[in-house]
Amino acid sequence: MYVKGKTVILGVTGSIAAYKMANVASMLVKMECDVHVIMTENATHFITPITFETLTGNKCLVDTFDRNFQFHVAHVSLAKKADVVLIAPASANVIGKLANGIADDMLTTTVMACTCKKIIAPAMNTNMYHNPIVQDNLKKLQAYDYEVIQPDSGMLACRDVGDGKMPKEEVLVGYILREIAYEKDLKGMKVIVTAGPTQESIDLCVILQIIPQAKWVMKSQRQLCSVVRKLHWLVVSQLWNAPCLWIMCR
């Protein structure tokens, strides 16, 4: 795994879960990533920009027209450097803006200018998350090649119980590493994963092969390893109507 010098943009929006992003930034810096944080104005009410500046060593961007930034056109120059963008927590407001091409602050204009992989982690009240408009906007983003991280379930800050929690920091970092830490030499390839039947030895020369009357279901999981990366898994499951007995000689 090699991430030294990779440029990671963290987009932080107005959500109580914004405080978790300080740990995400710290974890990436320890891996020697070049981390840049862009916050919305609402996000600054939950965590201060100076927190991220201290952790990353880079200026935290909030104002599109900041005259003290080192680049001439901040949202364009930073977008060109980025290897991956993670927007977390992603509020319903910012999700709606991105899905409909609205770029009216530093975060949305930068993301619109990025050509790298963009990952988004929704975090909001469970009723907001399941609102048909929000769900439609998430589907739009997926159609535009954004990767959407499914929120966790549990008790939310508003004391409601349901999905809408931002995943743990380790999960967010894992999505980033999967994008920037491994070569994509298997990208686009399709792998068929199938499960064979149970084989039991009757004696030294006969095998009893049993296929039960059930549907075989295998769940594929994306893992952080050098073999499984950017694969499109095709899981094969079969429904057998009756048991089958095979006699084979060794």
Foldseek 3Di string as FASTA:
>chain_A
DQAAAAEEEEEEEQDLCSVLVLVLLLVVVVSNYQYEYEYEPNNCVNPNQVSSCVRRVDGYHYAQPDPPDPDPRVLQVSLVRHQEYEYPQDELVNLVCLLVVHDDTSVSSSVVNHPHAYEYEYADDPVSCPDPVSVVSVVSVVVVRHHYDWFDFQQDPVRDTTGRHGDHSVVRSVVVCLRRVADVPVAPDEDEDEDAFDWDDPDPFWIWTKDDQDKDDDDDDQDPDHPRGNYDYDYDIDGDHHIDTDIGTD
